[in-house]
């Protein structure tokens, strides 16, 4: 059975939710790294808070939106086939 316009819109919403979740995780990570930088600037590198953050964020990680972008492009391509007002 072929997908309908509504099915594609539903897919689009699910993709948006996944992207939002990743963006929220990235934002939380950024806030914690900023907290760690603030502690370092204040000369508080010996505190437990700094050491915990340093252990957690010592190695860089990348938030990959590649799968979501591929899915988004696929769904948008299908949605372009429909007439929009």
PDB file of N, CA and C in Angstrom:
ATOM      1  N   UNK A   1       0.832  -1.165   0.000  1.00  0.00           N
ATOM      2  CA  UNK A   1       0.000   0.000   0.000  1.00  0.00           C
ATOM      3  C   UNK A   1       0.891   1.248   0.000  1.00  0.00           C
ATOM      4  N   UNK A   2       0.547   2.193  -0.799  1.00  0.00           N
ATOM      5  CA  UNK A   2       1.311   3.419  -0.957  1.00  0.00           C
ATOM      6  C   UNK A   2       1.030   4.386   0.204  1.00  0.00           C
ATOM      7  N   UNK A   3       2.033   5.170   0.527  1.00  0.00           N
ATOM      8  CA  UNK A   3       1.861   6.141   1.602  1.00  0.00           C
ATOM      9  C   UNK A   3       1.042   7.331   1.121  1.00  0.00           C
ATOM     10  N   UNK A   4       0.278   7.878   2.037  1.00  0.00           N
ATOM     11  CA  UNK A   4      -0.524   9.052   1.725  1.00  0.00           C
ATOM     12  C   UNK A   4       0.216  10.317   2.167  1.00  0.00           C
ATOM     13  N   UNK A   5      -0.337  11.436   1.794  1.00  0.00           N
ATOM     14  CA  UNK A   5       0.229  12.722   2.196  1.00  0.00           C
ATOM     15  C   UNK A   5       0.316  12.806   3.719  1.00  0.00           C
ATOM     16  N   UNK A   6      -0.719  12.342   4.405  1.00  0.00           N
ATOM     17  CA  UNK A   6      -0.734  12.371   5.869  1.00  0.00           C
ATOM     18  C   UNK A   6       0.350  11.474   6.458  1.00  0.00           C
ATOM     19  N   UNK A   7       0.609  10.333   5.822  1.00  0.00           N
ATOM     20  CA  UNK A   7       1.680   9.445   6.290  1.00  0.00           C
ATOM     21  C   UNK A   7       3.031  10.150   6.221  1.00  0.00           C
ATOM     22  N   UNK A   8       3.255  10.873   5.127  1.00  0.00           N
ATOM     23  CA  UNK A   8       4.514  11.606   4.988  1.00  0.00           C
ATOM     24  C   UNK A   8       4.616  12.731   6.006  1.00  0.00           C
ATOM     25  N   UNK A   9       3.512  13.388   6.276  1.00  0.00           N
ATOM     26  CA  UNK A   9       3.514  14.436   7.296  1.00  0.00           C
ATOM     27  C   UNK A   9       3.802  13.853   8.681  1.00  0.00           C
ATOM     28  N   UNK A  10       3.244  12.692   8.947  1.00  0.00           N
ATOM     29  CA  UNK A  10       3.526  12.002  10.217  1.00  0.00           C
ATOM     30  C   UNK A  10       5.005  11.646  10.319  1.00  0.00           C
ATOM     31  N   UNK A  11       5.587  11.167   9.213  1.00  0.00           N
ATOM     32  CA  UNK A  11       7.023  10.866   9.193  1.00  0.00           C
ATOM     33  C   UNK A  11       7.840  12.121   9.472  1.00  0.00           C
ATOM     34  N   UNK A  12       7.394  13.231   8.873  1.00  0.00           N
ATOM     35  CA  UNK A  12       8.089  14.501   9.059  1.00  0.00           C
ATOM     36  C   UNK A  12       8.090  14.917  10.529  1.00  0.00           C
ATOM     37  N   UNK A  13       6.985  14.726  11.194  1.00  0.00           N
ATOM     38  CA  UNK A  13       6.884  15.067  12.622  1.00  0.00           C
ATOM     39  C   UNK A  13       7.821  14.178  13.440  1.00  0.00           C
ATOM     40  N   UNK A  14       7.873  12.906  13.146  1.00  0.00           N
ATOM     41  CA  UNK A  14       8.758  11.999  13.884  1.00  0.00           C
ATOM     42  C   UNK A  14      10.223  12.386  13.696  1.00  0.00           C
ATOM     43  N   UNK A  15      10.585  12.763  12.485  1.00  0.00           N
ATOM     44  CA  UNK A  15      11.954  13.197  12.216  1.00  0.00           C
ATOM     45  C   UNK A  15      12.250  14.470  13.016  1.00  0.00           C
ATOM     46  N   UNK A  16      11.300  15.395  13.029  1.00  0.00           N
ATOM     47  CA  UNK A  16      11.487  16.642  13.782  1.00  0.00           C
ATOM     48  C   UNK A  16      11.679  16.359  15.265  1.00  0.00           C
ATOM     49  N   UNK A  17      10.945  15.412  15.812  1.00  0.00           N
ATOM     50  CA  UNK A  17      11.098  15.052  17.227  1.00  0.00           C
ATOM     51  C   UNK A  17      12.481  14.472  17.499  1.00  0.00           C
ATOM     52  N   UNK A  18      12.973  13.609  16.601  1.00  0.00           N
ATOM     53  CA  UNK A  18      14.311  13.035  16.774  1.00  0.00           C
ATOM     54  C   UNK A  18      15.379  14.122  16.723  1.00  0.00           C
ATOM     55  N   UNK A  19      15.231  15.058  15.773  1.00  0.00           N
ATOM     56  CA  UNK A  19      16.195  16.148  15.657  1.00  0.00           C
ATOM     57  C   UNK A  19      16.157  17.045  16.893  1.00  0.00           C
ATOM     58  N   UNK A  20      14.968  17.290  17.407  1.00  0.00           N
ATOM     59  CA  UNK A  20      14.824  18.115  18.604  1.00  0.00           C
ATOM     60  C   UNK A  20      15.478  17.449  19.804  1.00  0.00           C
ATOM     61  N   UNK A  21      15.321  16.153  19.925  1.00  0.00           N
ATOM     62  CA  UNK A  21      15.932  15.418  21.034  1.00  0.00           C
ATOM     63  C   UNK A  21      17.459  15.526  20.973  1.00  0.00           C
ATOM     64  N   UNK A  22      18.021  15.361  19.789  1.00  0.00           N
ATOM     65  CA  UNK A  22      19.471  15.478  19.644  1.00  0.00           C
ATOM     66  C   UNK A  22      19.940  16.901  19.933  1.00  0.00           C
ATOM     67  N   UNK A  23      19.187  17.887  19.478  1.00  0.00           N
ATOM     68  CA  UNK A  23      19.550  19.283  19.733  1.00  0.00           C
ATOM     69  C   UNK A  23      19.505  19.586  21.232  1.00  0.00           C
ATOM     70  N   UNK A  24      18.519  19.034  21.930  1.00  0.00           N
ATOM     71  CA  UNK A  24      18.433  19.231  23.383  1.00  0.00           C
ATOM     72  C   UNK A  24      19.618  18.603  24.102  1.00  0.00           C
ATOM     73  N   UNK A  25      20.018  17.408  23.675  1.00  0.00           N
ATOM     74  CA  UNK A  25      21.188  16.758  24.283  1.00  0.00           C
ATOM     75  C   UNK A  25      22.454  17.575  24.026  1.00  0.00           C
ATOM     76  N   UNK A  26      22.569  18.110  22.820  1.00  0.00           N
ATOM     77  CA  UNK A  26      23.720  18.934  22.471  1.00  0.00           C
ATOM     78  C   UNK A  26      23.729  20.209  23.319  1.00  0.00           C
ATOM     79  N   UNK A  27      22.569  20.802  23.531  1.00  0.00           N
ATOM     80  CA  UNK A  27      22.467  22.010  24.343  1.00  0.00           C
ATOM     81  C   UNK A  27      22.861  21.732  25.797  1.00  0.00           C
ATOM     82  N   UNK A  28      22.412  20.623  26.347  1.00  0.00           N
ATOM     83  CA  UNK A  28      22.774  20.259  27.726  1.00  0.00           C
ATOM     84  C   UNK A  28      24.279  20.043  27.853  1.00  0.00           C
ATOM     85  N   UNK A  29      24.851  19.385  26.870  1.00  0.00           N
ATOM     86  CA  UNK A  29      26.298  19.156  26.870  1.00  0.00           C
ATOM     87  C   UNK A  29      27.045  20.490  26.837  1.00  0.00           C
ATOM     88  N   UNK A  30      26.576  21.409  26.003  1.00  0.00           N
ATOM     89  CA  UNK A  30      27.215  22.728  25.897  1.00  0.00           C
ATOM     90  C   UNK A  30      27.150  23.472  27.219  1.00  0.00           C
ATOM     91  N   UNK A  31      25.987  23.408  27.890  1.00  0.00           N
ATOM     92  CA  UNK A  31      25.860  24.077  29.188  1.00  0.00           C
ATOM     93  C   UNK A  31      26.852  23.519  30.201  1.00  0.00           C
ATOM     94  N   UNK A  32      27.036  22.210  30.217  1.00  0.00           N
ATOM     95  CA  UNK A  32      27.960  21.598  31.172  1.00  0.00           C
ATOM     96  C   UNK A  32      29.412  21.952  30.842  1.00  0.00           C
ATOM     97  N   UNK A  33      29.732  22.000  29.570  1.00  0.00           N
ATOM     98  CA  UNK A  33      31.098  22.380  29.180  1.00  0.00           C
ATOM     99  C   UNK A  33      31.352  23.841  29.535  1.00  0.00           C
ATOM    100  N   UNK A  34      30.347  24.690  29.377  1.00  0.00           N
ATOM    101  CA  UNK A  34      30.486  26.085  29.776  1.00  0.00           C
ATOM    102  C   UNK A  34      30.681  26.188  31.291  1.00  0.00           C
ATOM    103  N   UNK A  35      29.996  25.370  32.043  1.00  0.00           N
ATOM    104  CA  UNK A  35      30.158  25.338  33.502  1.00  0.00           C
ATOM    105  C   UNK A  35      31.583  24.929  33.862  1.00  0.00           C
ATOM    106  N   UNK A  36      32.101  23.932  33.155  1.00  0.00           N
ATOM    107  CA  UNK A  36      33.461  23.474  33.392  1.00  0.00           C
ATOM    108  C   UNK A  36      34.460  24.583  33.069  1.00  0.00           C
ATOM    109  N   UNK A  37      34.246  25.303  31.976  1.00  0.00           N
ATOM    110  CA  UNK A  37      35.140  26.410  31.605  1.00  0.00           C
ATOM    111  C   UNK A  37      35.077  27.529  32.638  1.00  0.00           C
ATOM    112  N   UNK A  38      33.898  27.776  33.159  1.00  0.00           N
ATOM    113  CA  UNK A  38      33.738  28.810  34.183  1.00  0.00           C
ATOM    114  C   UNK A  38      34.495  28.440  35.457  1.00  0.00           C
ATOM    115  N   UNK A  39      34.403  27.185  35.847  1.00  0.00           N
ATOM    116  CA  UNK A  39      35.141  26.724  37.036  1.00  0.00           C
ATOM    117  C   UNK A  39      36.643  26.853  36.823  1.00  0.00           C
ATOM    118  N   UNK A  40      37.109  26.492  35.628  1.00  0.00           N
ATOM    119  CA  UNK A  40      38.537  26.583  35.327  1.00  0.00           C
ATOM    120  C   UNK A  40      38.995  28.034  35.365  1.00  0.00           C
ATOM    121  N   UNK A  41      38.184  28.922  34.819  1.00  0.00           N
ATOM    122  CA  UNK A  41      38.534  30.347  34.796  1.00  0.00           C
ATOM    123  C   UNK A  41      38.623  30.919  36.214  1.00  0.00           C
ATOM    124  N   UNK A  42      37.783  30.390  37.118  1.00  0.00           N
ATOM    125  CA  UNK A  42      37.785  30.842  38.506  1.00  0.00           C
ATOM    126  C   UNK A  42      38.901  30.198  39.324  1.00  0.00           C
ATOM    127  N   UNK A  43      39.652  29.294  38.689  1.00  0.00           N
ATOM    128  CA  UNK A  43      40.738  28.620  39.388  1.00  0.00           C
ATOM    129  C   UNK A  43      40.263  27.486  40.279  1.00  0.00           C
ATOM    130  N   UNK A  44      39.115  26.918  39.962  1.00  0.00           N
ATOM    131  CA  UNK A  44      38.532  25.852  40.788  1.00  0.00           C
ATOM    132  C   UNK A  44      38.668  24.476  40.130  1.00  0.00           C
ATOM    133  N   UNK A  45      39.841  24.225  39.559  1.00  0.00           N
ATOM    134  CA  UNK A  45      40.061  22.947  38.883  1.00  0.00           C
ATOM    135  C   UNK A  45      40.185  21.772  39.854  1.00  0.00           C
ATOM    136  N   UNK A  46      40.368  22.058  41.113  1.00  0.00           N
ATOM    137  CA  UNK A  46      40.526  20.983  42.098  1.00  0.00           C
ATOM    138  C   UNK A  46      39.204  20.542  42.721  1.00  0.00           C
ATOM    139  N   UNK A  47      38.108  21.173  42.347  1.00  0.00           N
ATOM    140  CA  UNK A  47      36.819  20.818  42.936  1.00  0.00           C
ATOM    141  C   UNK A  47      36.286  19.523  42.338  1.00  0.00           C
ATOM    142  N   UNK A  48      35.441  18.859  43.097  1.00  0.00           N
ATOM    143  CA  UNK A  48      34.827  17.616  42.628  1.00  0.00           C
ATOM    144  C   UNK A  48      33.966  17.855  41.390  1.00  0.00           C
ATOM    145  N   UNK A  49      33.268  18.973  41.369  1.00  0.00           N
ATOM    146  CA  UNK A  49      32.401  19.307  40.241  1.00  0.00           C
ATOM    147  C   UNK A  49      33.214  19.393  38.955  1.00  0.00           C
ATOM    148  N   UNK A  50      34.336  20.091  38.999  1.00  0.00           N
ATOM    149  CA  UNK A  50      35.183  20.219  37.818  1.00  0.00           C
ATOM    150  C   UNK A  50      35.745  18.868  37.401  1.00  0.00           C
ATOM    151  N   UNK A  51      36.229  18.103  38.367  1.00  0.00           N
ATOM    152  CA  UNK A  51      36.823  16.795  38.047  1.00  0.00           C
ATOM    153  C   UNK A  51      35.794  15.863  37.410  1.00  0.00           C
ATOM    154  N   UNK A  52      34.555  15.901  37.927  1.00  0.00           N
ATOM    155  CA  UNK A  52      33.494  15.052  37.362  1.00  0.00           C
ATOM    156  C   UNK A  52      33.194  15.472  35.920  1.00  0.00           C
ATOM    157  N   UNK A  53      33.077  16.777  35.705  1.00  0.00           N
ATOM    158  CA  UNK A  53      32.804  17.273  34.350  1.00  0.00           C
ATOM    159  C   UNK A  53      33.968  16.977  33.409  1.00  0.00           C
ATOM    160  N   UNK A  54      35.171  17.111  33.916  1.00  0.00           N
ATOM    161  CA  UNK A  54      36.353  16.839  33.098  1.00  0.00           C
ATOM    162  C   UNK A  54      36.401  15.377  32.668  1.00  0.00           C
ATOM    163  N   UNK A  55      36.075  14.489  33.575  1.00  0.00           N
ATOM    164  CA  UNK A  55      36.050  13.056  33.231  1.00  0.00           C
ATOM    165  C   UNK A  55      34.973  12.769  32.183  1.00  0.00           C
ATOM    166  N   UNK A  56      33.838  13.425  32.348  1.00  0.00           N
ATOM    167  CA  UNK A  56      32.707  13.178  31.453  1.00  0.00           C
ATOM    168  C   UNK A  56      32.949  13.765  30.060  1.00  0.00           C
ATOM    169  N   UNK A  57      33.601  14.915  29.976  1.00  0.00           N
ATOM    170  CA  UNK A  57      33.728  15.619  28.700  1.00  0.00           C
ATOM    171  C   UNK A  57      35.162  15.763  28.220  1.00  0.00           C
ATOM    172  N   UNK A  58      36.032  14.922  28.696  1.00  0.00           N
ATOM    173  CA  UNK A  58      37.429  14.967  28.288  1.00  0.00           C
ATOM    174  C   UNK A  58      37.582  14.698  26.790  1.00  0.00           C
ATOM    175  N   UNK A  59      36.820  13.759  26.288  1.00  0.00           N
ATOM    176  CA  UNK A  59      36.915  13.391  24.879  1.00  0.00           C
ATOM    177  C   UNK A  59      35.774  14.039  24.105  1.00  0.00           C
ATOM    178  N   UNK A  60      36.088  14.686  23.002  1.00  0.00           N
ATOM    179  CA  UNK A  60      35.035  15.360  22.239  1.00  0.00           C
ATOM    180  C   UNK A  60      34.081  14.357  21.581  1.00  0.00           C
ATOM    181  N   UNK A  61      32.838  14.745  21.507  1.00  0.00           N
ATOM    182  CA  UNK A  61      31.850  13.942  20.801  1.00  0.00           C
ATOM    183  C   UNK A  61      31.114  14.849  19.826  1.00  0.00           C
ATOM    184  N   UNK A  62      30.638  14.241  18.771  1.00  0.00           N
ATOM    185  CA  UNK A  62      29.934  14.982  17.730  1.00  0.00           C
ATOM    186  C   UNK A  62      28.481  14.545  17.726  1.00  0.00           C
ATOM    187  N   UNK A  63      27.583  15.508  17.655  1.00  0.00           N
ATOM    188  CA  UNK A  63      26.173  15.193  17.510  1.00  0.00           C
ATOM    189  C   UNK A  63      25.893  15.081  16.021  1.00  0.00           C
ATOM    190  N   UNK A  64      25.580  13.888  15.589  1.00  0.00           N
ATOM    191  CA  UNK A  64      25.400  13.621  14.165  1.00  0.00           C
ATOM    192  C   UNK A  64      23.923  13.685  13.793  1.00  0.00           C
ATOM    193  N   UNK A  65      23.596  14.620  12.925  1.00  0.00           N
ATOM    194  CA  UNK A  65      22.239  14.741  12.417  1.00  0.00           C
ATOM    195  C   UNK A  65      22.120  14.112  11.029  1.00  0.00           C
ATOM    196  N   UNK A  66      23.119  13.345  10.620  1.00  0.00           N
ATOM    197  CA  UNK A  66      23.164  12.779   9.267  1.00  0.00           C
ATOM    198  C   UNK A  66      21.971  11.916   8.917  1.00  0.00           C
ATOM    199  N   UNK A  67      21.609  10.989   9.794  1.00  0.00           N
ATOM    200  CA  UNK A  67      20.477  10.107   9.509  1.00  0.00           C
ATOM    201  C   UNK A  67      19.183  10.889   9.427  1.00  0.00           C
ATOM    202  N   UNK A  68      19.022  11.832  10.334  1.00  0.00           N
ATOM    203  CA  UNK A  68      17.803  12.634  10.339  1.00  0.00           C
ATOM    204  C   UNK A  68      17.712  13.494   9.084  1.00  0.00           C
ATOM    205  N   UNK A  69      18.843  14.044   8.654  1.00  0.00           N
ATOM    206  CA  UNK A  69      18.839  14.874   7.450  1.00  0.00           C
ATOM    207  C   UNK A  69      18.505  14.037   6.220  1.00  0.00           C
ATOM    208  N   UNK A  70      19.028  12.829   6.157  1.00  0.00           N
ATOM    209  CA  UNK A  70      18.709  11.940   5.032  1.00  0.00           C
ATOM    210  C   UNK A  70      17.217  11.608   5.020  1.00  0.00           C
ATOM    211  N   UNK A  71      16.701  11.289   6.191  1.00  0.00           N
ATOM    212  CA  UNK A  71      15.272  10.986   6.299  1.00  0.00           C
ATOM    213  C   UNK A  71      14.431  12.200   5.936  1.00  0.00           C
ATOM    214  N   UNK A  72      14.860  13.367   6.397  1.00  0.00           N
ATOM    215  CA  UNK A  72      14.137  14.602   6.108  1.00  0.00           C
ATOM    216  C   UNK A  72      14.104  14.870   4.604  1.00  0.00           C
ATOM    217  N   UNK A  73      15.238  14.721   3.947  1.00  0.00           N
ATOM    218  CA  UNK A  73      15.291  14.946   2.505  1.00  0.00           C
ATOM    219  C   UNK A  73      14.397  13.957   1.752  1.00  0.00           C
ATOM    220  N   UNK A  74      14.392  12.716   2.208  1.00  0.00           N
ATOM    221  CA  UNK A  74      13.565  11.697   1.569  1.00  0.00           C
ATOM    222  C   UNK A  74      12.087  12.044   1.681  1.00  0.00           C
ATOM    223  N   UNK A  75      11.652  12.443   2.872  1.00  0.00           N
ATOM    224  CA  UNK A  75      10.243  12.762   3.096  1.00  0.00           C
ATOM    225  C   UNK A  75       9.853  14.045   2.348  1.00  0.00           C
ATOM    226  N   UNK A  76      10.734  15.048   2.384  1.00  0.00           N
ATOM    227  CA  UNK A  76      10.428  16.298   1.682  1.00  0.00           C
ATOM    228  C   UNK A  76      10.308  16.055   0.185  1.00  0.00           C
ATOM    229  N   UNK A  77      11.152  15.207  -0.339  1.00  0.00           N
ATOM    230  CA  UNK A  77      11.079  14.872  -1.765  1.00  0.00           C
ATOM    231  C   UNK A  77       9.709  14.299  -2.111  1.00  0.00           C
ATOM    232  N   UNK A  78       9.205  13.434  -1.248  1.00  0.00           N
ATOM    233  CA  UNK A  78       7.884  12.846  -1.478  1.00  0.00           C
ATOM    234  C   UNK A  78       6.778  13.886  -1.311  1.00  0.00           C
ATOM    235  N   UNK A  79       6.928  14.774  -0.336  1.00  0.00           N
ATOM    236  CA  UNK A  79       5.899  15.793  -0.092  1.00  0.00           C
ATOM    237  C   UNK A  79       5.831  16.818  -1.223  1.00  0.00           C
ATOM    238  N   UNK A  80       6.923  17.021  -1.927  1.00  0.00           N
ATOM    239  CA  UNK A  80       6.933  17.965  -3.043  1.00  0.00           C
ATOM    240  C   UNK A  80       6.024  17.505  -4.188  1.00  0.00           C
ATOM    241  N   UNK A  81       5.667  16.254  -4.185  1.00  0.00           N
ATOM    242  CA  UNK A  81       4.798  15.724  -5.230  1.00  0.00           C
ATOM    243  C   UNK A  81       3.347  16.171  -5.060  1.00  0.00           C
ATOM    244  N   UNK A  82       3.027  16.642  -3.875  1.00  0.00           N
ATOM    245  CA  UNK A  82       1.645  17.053  -3.582  1.00  0.00           C
ATOM    246  C   UNK A  82       1.485  18.549  -3.788  1.00  0.00           C
ATOM    247  N   UNK A  83       0.257  18.949  -4.056  1.00  0.00           N
ATOM    248  CA  UNK A  83      -0.047  20.365  -4.227  1.00  0.00           C
ATOM    249  C   UNK A  83      -0.209  21.012  -2.862  1.00  0.00           C
ATOM    250  N   UNK A  84       0.413  22.188  -2.687  1.00  0.00           N
ATOM    251  CA  UNK A  84       0.359  22.910  -1.424  1.00  0.00           C
ATOM    252  C   UNK A  84      -0.200  24.307  -1.687  1.00  0.00           C
ATOM    253  N   UNK A  85      -0.926  24.794  -0.737  1.00  0.00           N
ATOM    254  CA  UNK A  85      -1.516  26.143  -0.883  1.00  0.00           C
ATOM    255  C   UNK A  85      -0.709  27.158  -0.116  1.00  0.00           C
TER     256      UNK A  85
END
